[in-house]
Structures are given as structure tokens and as C-alpha cells.
PDB file of N, CA and C in Angstrom:
ATOM      1  N   SER A   1     -92.822  74.511 189.932  1.00  0.00           N
ATOM      2  CA  SER A   1     -93.119  73.079 189.913  1.00  0.00           C
ATOM      3  C   SER A   1     -93.927  72.766 188.662  1.00  0.00           C
ATOM      4  N   THR A   2     -93.524  71.758 187.969  1.00  0.00           N
ATOM      5  CA  THR A   2     -94.207  71.407 186.722  1.00  0.00           C
ATOM      6  C   THR A   2     -95.412  70.546 187.060  1.00  0.00           C
ATOM      7  N   ARG A   3     -96.524  70.870 186.388  1.00  0.00           N
ATOM      8  CA  ARG A   3     -97.759  70.093 186.610  1.00  0.00           C
ATOM      9  C   ARG A   3     -98.089  69.351 185.326  1.00  0.00           C
ATOM     10  N   VAL A   4     -97.392  68.250 185.125  1.00  0.00           N
ATOM     11  CA  VAL A   4     -97.656  67.429 183.952  1.00  0.00           C
ATOM     12  C   VAL A   4     -98.892  66.567 184.204  1.00  0.00           C
ATOM     13  N   ARG A   5     -99.790  66.533 183.248  1.00  0.00           N
ATOM     14  CA  ARG A   5    -100.967  65.711 183.349  1.00  0.00           C
ATOM     15  C   ARG A   5    -101.272  65.116 181.993  1.00  0.00           C
ATOM     16  N   THR A   6    -102.143  64.133 181.961  1.00  0.00           N
ATOM     17  CA  THR A   6    -102.523  63.518 180.675  1.00  0.00           C
ATOM     18  C   THR A   6    -103.758  64.253 180.159  1.00  0.00           C
ATOM     19  N   TRP A   7    -103.616  64.806 178.962  1.00  0.00           N
ATOM     20  CA  TRP A   7    -104.688  65.519 178.271  1.00  0.00           C
ATOM     21  C   TRP A   7    -105.316  64.582 177.261  1.00  0.00           C
ATOM     22  N   THR A   8    -106.641  64.639 177.148  1.00  0.00           N
ATOM     23  CA  THR A   8    -107.358  63.717 176.265  1.00  0.00           C
ATOM     24  C   THR A   8    -108.384  64.518 175.463  1.00  0.00           C
ATOM     25  N   ASP A   9    -108.545  64.177 174.190  1.00  0.00           N
ATOM     26  CA  ASP A   9    -109.578  64.836 173.395  1.00  0.00           C
ATOM     27  C   ASP A   9    -110.941  64.153 173.622  1.00  0.00           C
ATOM     28  N   ARG A  10    -111.989  64.728 173.075  1.00  0.00           N
ATOM     29  CA  ARG A  10    -113.344  64.220 173.329  1.00  0.00           C
ATOM     30  C   ARG A  10    -113.565  62.838 172.818  1.00  0.00           C
ATOM     31  N   SER A  11    -112.856  62.466 171.740  1.00  0.00           N
ATOM     32  CA  SER A  11    -113.009  61.143 171.162  1.00  0.00           C
ATOM     33  C   SER A  11    -112.237  60.083 171.957  1.00  0.00           C
ATOM     34  N   GLY A  12    -111.251  60.541 172.765  1.00  0.00           N
ATOM     35  CA  GLY A  12    -110.431  59.602 173.493  1.00  0.00           C
ATOM     36  C   GLY A  12    -109.269  59.104 172.686  1.00  0.00           C
ATOM     37  N   ALA A  13    -109.169  59.474 171.420  1.00  0.00           N
ATOM     38  CA  ALA A  13    -108.123  58.984 170.541  1.00  0.00           C
ATOM     39  C   ALA A  13    -106.795  59.692 170.771  1.00  0.00           C
ATOM     40  N   PHE A  14    -106.867  60.981 171.087  1.00  0.00           N
ATOM     41  CA  PHE A  14    -105.667  61.794 171.280  1.00  0.00           C
ATOM     42  C   PHE A  14    -105.355  61.898 172.778  1.00  0.00           C
ATOM     43  N   LYS A  15    -104.151  61.461 173.152  1.00  0.00           N
ATOM     44  CA  LYS A  15    -103.734  61.597 174.545  1.00  0.00           C
ATOM     45  C   LYS A  15    -102.311  62.119 174.543  1.00  0.00           C
ATOM     46  N   VAL A  16    -102.020  63.065 175.444  1.00  0.00           N
ATOM     47  CA  VAL A  16    -100.673  63.590 175.508  1.00  0.00           C
ATOM     48  C   VAL A  16    -100.350  63.971 176.961  1.00  0.00           C
ATOM     49  N   ASP A  17     -99.164  63.624 177.401  1.00  0.00           N
ATOM     50  CA  ASP A  17     -98.683  64.015 178.726  1.00  0.00           C
ATOM     51  C   ASP A  17     -97.981  65.358 178.550  1.00  0.00           C
ATOM     52  N   ALA A  18     -98.523  66.373 179.202  1.00  0.00           N
ATOM     53  CA  ALA A  18     -97.971  67.721 178.999  1.00  0.00           C
ATOM     54  C   ALA A  18     -98.352  68.655 180.166  1.00  0.00           C
ATOM     55  N   GLU A  19     -97.636  69.750 180.216  1.00  0.00           N
ATOM     56  CA  GLU A  19     -97.921  70.806 181.209  1.00  0.00           C
ATOM     57  C   GLU A  19     -98.624  71.954 180.476  1.00  0.00           C
ATOM     58  N   LEU A  20     -99.637  72.519 181.118  1.00  0.00           N
ATOM     59  CA  LEU A  20    -100.320  73.668 180.539  1.00  0.00           C
ATOM     60  C   LEU A  20     -99.434  74.915 180.675  1.00  0.00           C
ATOM     61  N   LEU A  21     -99.092  75.541 179.558  1.00  0.00           N
ATOM     62  CA  LEU A  21     -98.326  76.774 179.591  1.00  0.00           C
ATOM     63  C   LEU A  21     -99.263  77.982 179.610  1.00  0.00           C
ATOM     64  N   SER A  22    -100.249  77.972 178.738  1.00  0.00           N
ATOM     65  CA  SER A  22    -101.161  79.110 178.668  1.00  0.00           C
ATOM     66  C   SER A  22    -102.436  78.744 177.951  1.00  0.00           C
ATOM     67  N   TYR A  23    -103.434  79.609 178.124  1.00  0.00           N
ATOM     68  CA  TYR A  23    -104.674  79.476 177.360  1.00  0.00           C
ATOM     69  C   TYR A  23    -104.977  80.833 176.757  1.00  0.00           C
ATOM     70  N   TYR A  24    -105.072  80.893 175.447  1.00  0.00           N
ATOM     71  CA  TYR A  24    -105.320  82.188 174.783  1.00  0.00           C
ATOM     72  C   TYR A  24    -106.104  81.964 173.520  1.00  0.00           C
ATOM     73  N   ASP A  25    -107.122  82.783 173.313  1.00  0.00           N
ATOM     74  CA  ASP A  25    -107.872  82.792 172.059  1.00  0.00           C
ATOM     75  C   ASP A  25    -108.402  81.404 171.680  1.00  0.00           C
ATOM     76  N   GLY A  26    -108.883  80.664 172.694  1.00  0.00           N
ATOM     77  CA  GLY A  26    -109.479  79.371 172.431  1.00  0.00           C
ATOM     78  C   GLY A  26    -108.502  78.217 172.271  1.00  0.00           C
ATOM     79  N   LYS A  27    -107.210  78.533 172.450  1.00  0.00           N
ATOM     80  CA  LYS A  27    -106.203  77.488 172.268  1.00  0.00           C
ATOM     81  C   LYS A  27    -105.357  77.272 173.517  1.00  0.00           C
ATOM     82  N   LEU A  28    -105.092  75.999 173.786  1.00  0.00           N
ATOM     83  CA  LEU A  28    -104.159  75.641 174.847  1.00  0.00           C
ATOM     84  C   LEU A  28    -102.761  75.542 174.279  1.00  0.00           C
ATOM     85  N   ARG A  29    -101.790  76.084 175.021  1.00  0.00           N
ATOM     86  CA  ARG A  29    -100.395  75.821 174.671  1.00  0.00           C
ATOM     87  C   ARG A  29     -99.876  74.837 175.682  1.00  0.00           C
ATOM     88  N   LEU A  30     -99.526  73.648 175.191  1.00  0.00           N
ATOM     89  CA  LEU A  30     -99.064  72.576 176.037  1.00  0.00           C
ATOM     90  C   LEU A  30     -97.576  72.305 175.805  1.00  0.00           C
ATOM     91  N   HIS A  31     -96.871  72.000 176.888  1.00  0.00           N
ATOM     92  CA  HIS A  31     -95.474  71.661 176.812  1.00  0.00           C
ATOM     93  C   HIS A  31     -95.324  70.186 177.101  1.00  0.00           C
ATOM     94  N   LYS A  32     -95.088  69.409 176.040  1.00  0.00           N
ATOM     95  CA  LYS A  32     -95.055  67.958 176.172  1.00  0.00           C
ATOM     96  C   LYS A  32     -93.758  67.522 176.910  1.00  0.00           C
ATOM     97  N   THR A  33     -93.831  66.313 177.474  1.00  0.00           N
ATOM     98  CA  THR A  33     -92.711  65.816 178.265  1.00  0.00           C
ATOM     99  C   THR A  33     -91.446  65.648 177.451  1.00  0.00           C
ATOM    100  N   ASN A  34     -91.579  65.566 176.093  1.00  0.00           N
ATOM    101  CA  ASN A  34     -90.396  65.462 175.260  1.00  0.00           C
ATOM    102  C   ASN A  34     -89.825  66.842 174.869  1.00  0.00           C
ATOM    103  N   GLY A  35     -90.405  67.907 175.427  1.00  0.00           N
ATOM    104  CA  GLY A  35     -89.917  69.249 175.178  1.00  0.00           C
ATOM    105  C   GLY A  35     -90.606  70.030 174.078  1.00  0.00           C
ATOM    106  N   VAL A  36     -91.455  69.354 173.336  1.00  0.00           N
ATOM    107  CA  VAL A  36     -92.176  69.992 172.223  1.00  0.00           C
ATOM    108  C   VAL A  36     -93.371  70.792 172.754  1.00  0.00           C
ATOM    109  N   LYS A  37     -93.572  71.991 172.226  1.00  0.00           N
ATOM    110  CA  LYS A  37     -94.728  72.791 172.589  1.00  0.00           C
ATOM    111  C   LYS A  37     -95.751  72.721 171.472  1.00  0.00           C
ATOM    112  N   ILE A  38     -97.009  72.482 171.843  1.00  0.00           N
ATOM    113  CA  ILE A  38     -98.079  72.350 170.858  1.00  0.00           C
ATOM    114  C   ILE A  38     -99.241  73.250 171.234  1.00  0.00           C
ATOM    115  N   ASP A  39    -100.007  73.688 170.250  1.00  0.00           N
ATOM    116  CA  ASP A  39    -101.228  74.466 170.436  1.00  0.00           C
ATOM    117  C   ASP A  39    -102.413  73.569 170.057  1.00  0.00           C
ATOM    118  N   VAL A  40    -103.368  73.476 170.979  1.00  0.00           N
ATOM    119  CA  VAL A  40    -104.513  72.607 170.761  1.00  0.00           C
ATOM    120  C   VAL A  40    -105.799  73.391 170.997  1.00  0.00           C
ATOM    121  N   PRO A  41    -106.791  73.332 170.101  1.00  0.00           N
ATOM    122  CA  PRO A  41    -108.050  74.010 170.351  1.00  0.00           C
ATOM    123  C   PRO A  41    -108.751  73.405 171.577  1.00  0.00           C
ATOM    124  N   LEU A  42    -109.108  74.245 172.533  1.00  0.00           N
ATOM    125  CA  LEU A  42    -109.718  73.759 173.762  1.00  0.00           C
ATOM    126  C   LEU A  42    -111.028  73.007 173.492  1.00  0.00           C
ATOM    127  N   GLU A  43    -111.767  73.443 172.493  1.00  0.00           N
ATOM    128  CA  GLU A  43    -113.070  72.823 172.213  1.00  0.00           C
ATOM    129  C   GLU A  43    -112.967  71.368 171.839  1.00  0.00           C
ATOM    130  N   LYS A  44    -111.787  70.938 171.429  1.00  0.00           N
ATOM    131  CA  LYS A  44    -111.599  69.536 171.045  1.00  0.00           C
ATOM    132  C   LYS A  44    -111.268  68.656 172.289  1.00  0.00           C
ATOM    133  N   MET A  45    -111.040  69.305 173.394  1.00  0.00           N
ATOM    134  CA  MET A  45    -110.570  68.538 174.558  1.00  0.00           C
ATOM    135  C   MET A  45    -111.748  68.021 175.399  1.00  0.00           C
ATOM    136  N   SER A  46    -111.460  67.088 176.289  1.00  0.00           N
ATOM    137  CA  SER A  46    -112.476  66.498 177.135  1.00  0.00           C
ATOM    138  C   SER A  46    -112.996  67.521 178.151  1.00  0.00           C
ATOM    139  N   MET A  47    -114.180  67.262 178.671  1.00  0.00           N
ATOM    140  CA  MET A  47    -114.772  68.163 179.679  1.00  0.00           C
ATOM    141  C   MET A  47    -113.873  68.257 180.897  1.00  0.00           C
ATOM    142  N   GLU A  48    -113.248  67.166 181.260  1.00  0.00           N
ATOM    143  CA  GLU A  48    -112.344  67.183 182.420  1.00  0.00           C
ATOM    144  C   GLU A  48    -111.190  68.164 182.183  1.00  0.00           C
ATOM    145  N   ASP A  49    -110.645  68.164 180.980  1.00  0.00           N
ATOM    146  CA  ASP A  49    -109.539  69.063 180.632  1.00  0.00           C
ATOM    147  C   ASP A  49    -110.043  70.508 180.629  1.00  0.00           C
ATOM    148  N   ILE A  50    -111.247  70.734 180.091  1.00  0.00           N
ATOM    149  CA  ILE A  50    -111.801  72.089 180.058  1.00  0.00           C
ATOM    150  C   ILE A  50    -111.972  72.618 181.500  1.00  0.00           C
ATOM    151  N   ARG A  51    -112.475  71.776 182.384  1.00  0.00           N
ATOM    152  CA  ARG A  51    -112.625  72.191 183.790  1.00  0.00           C
ATOM    153  C   ARG A  51    -111.281  72.471 184.434  1.00  0.00           C
ATOM    154  N   TYR A  52    -110.268  71.695 184.100  1.00  0.00           N
ATOM    155  CA  TYR A  52    -108.924  71.911 184.620  1.00  0.00           C
ATOM    156  C   TYR A  52    -108.418  73.288 184.172  1.00  0.00           C
ATOM    157  N   VAL A  53    -108.581  73.582 182.919  1.00  0.00           N
ATOM    158  CA  VAL A  53    -108.152  74.891 182.401  1.00  0.00           C
ATOM    159  C   VAL A  53    -108.896  76.026 183.081  1.00  0.00           C
ATOM    160  N   GLU A  54    -110.199  75.890 183.251  1.00  0.00           N
ATOM    161  CA  GLU A  54    -110.982  76.912 183.962  1.00  0.00           C
ATOM    162  C   GLU A  54    -110.413  77.128 185.355  1.00  0.00           C
ATOM    163  N   ALA A  55    -110.145  76.039 186.072  1.00  0.00           N
ATOM    164  CA  ALA A  55    -109.702  76.146 187.452  1.00  0.00           C
ATOM    165  C   ALA A  55    -108.309  76.784 187.543  1.00  0.00           C
ATOM    166  N   HIS A  56    -107.467  76.559 186.558  1.00  0.00           N
ATOM    167  CA  HIS A  56    -106.101  77.027 186.636  1.00  0.00           C
ATOM    168  C   HIS A  56    -105.811  78.328 185.908  1.00  0.00           C
ATOM    169  N   THR A  57    -106.774  78.821 185.140  1.00  0.00           N
ATOM    170  CA  THR A  57    -106.568  80.080 184.437  1.00  0.00           C
ATOM    171  C   THR A  57    -107.585  81.134 184.811  1.00  0.00           C
ATOM    172  N   LYS A  58    -108.600  80.781 185.592  1.00  0.00           N
ATOM    173  CA  LYS A  58    -109.662  81.673 186.017  1.00  0.00           C
ATOM    174  C   LYS A  58    -110.533  82.144 184.840  1.00  0.00           C
ATOM    175  N   HIS A  59    -110.503  81.445 183.734  1.00  0.00           N
ATOM    176  CA  HIS A  59    -111.405  81.749 182.618  1.00  0.00           C
ATOM    177  C   HIS A  59    -112.701  80.992 182.817  1.00  0.00           C
ATOM    178  N   ASP A  60    -113.832  81.663 182.611  1.00  0.00           N
ATOM    179  CA  ASP A  60    -115.131  80.987 182.617  1.00  0.00           C
ATOM    180  C   ASP A  60    -115.454  80.540 181.209  1.00  0.00           C
ATOM    181  N   ILE A  61    -114.829  79.497 180.754  1.00  0.00           N
ATOM    182  CA  ILE A  61    -114.916  79.056 179.376  1.00  0.00           C
ATOM    183  C   ILE A  61    -116.325  78.603 179.037  1.00  0.00           C
ATOM    184  N   LEU A  62    -116.922  77.826 179.899  1.00  0.00           N
ATOM    185  CA  LEU A  62    -118.229  77.250 179.583  1.00  0.00           C
ATOM    186  C   LEU A  62    -119.302  78.322 179.564  1.00  0.00           C
ATOM    187  N   LYS A  63    -119.186  79.345 180.429  1.00  0.00           N
ATOM    188  CA  LYS A  63    -120.176  80.396 180.494  1.00  0.00           C
ATOM    189  C   LYS A  63    -120.132  81.284 179.261  1.00  0.00           C
ATOM    190  N   ASN A  64    -118.992  81.342 178.559  1.00  0.00           N
ATOM    191  CA  ASN A  64    -118.867  82.216 177.405  1.00  0.00           C
ATOM    192  C   ASN A  64    -119.420  81.602 176.139  1.00  0.00           C
ATOM    193  N   LYS A  65    -119.847  80.369 176.203  1.00  0.00           N
ATOM    194  CA  LYS A  65    -120.364  79.701 175.025  1.00  0.00           C
ATOM    195  C   LYS A  65    -121.785  80.191 174.685  1.00  0.00           C
TER     196      LYS A  65
END
């Protein structure tokens, strides 16, 4: 089942509807609804997105800072 959600950066300027494919080495790999895959640095994303990634990948991202 695809879990497409809206991802937003901290400034609120960047928004993308995509599914989380993976999290590796500080980067999210997102699969956009148009089929394009993009890599985005997690540190640029909103806190809500960071918490989502933590919950779905079992990474303690905030504790590692």
C-alpha cells in the first residue's frame, strides 16, 4: 500500500506529495506522485516530517544530533 503524504521543508516554501522509499545517510528518498524519485536532506524538512520518518524507519534521528 502506498503511503503518499505531503512533505514540507522548514521554510514552508517546498511542498511535495510523495511516498517515503528510504532514509539513508541523512537523506530521504521520496517517490513523487508523478513517478520521479528525489533525494532530500532530512535536516531541511519540517519537524512533523522528521517525526514521521523516525516513526516509520525506527531511526532515532533527533537523539543522534
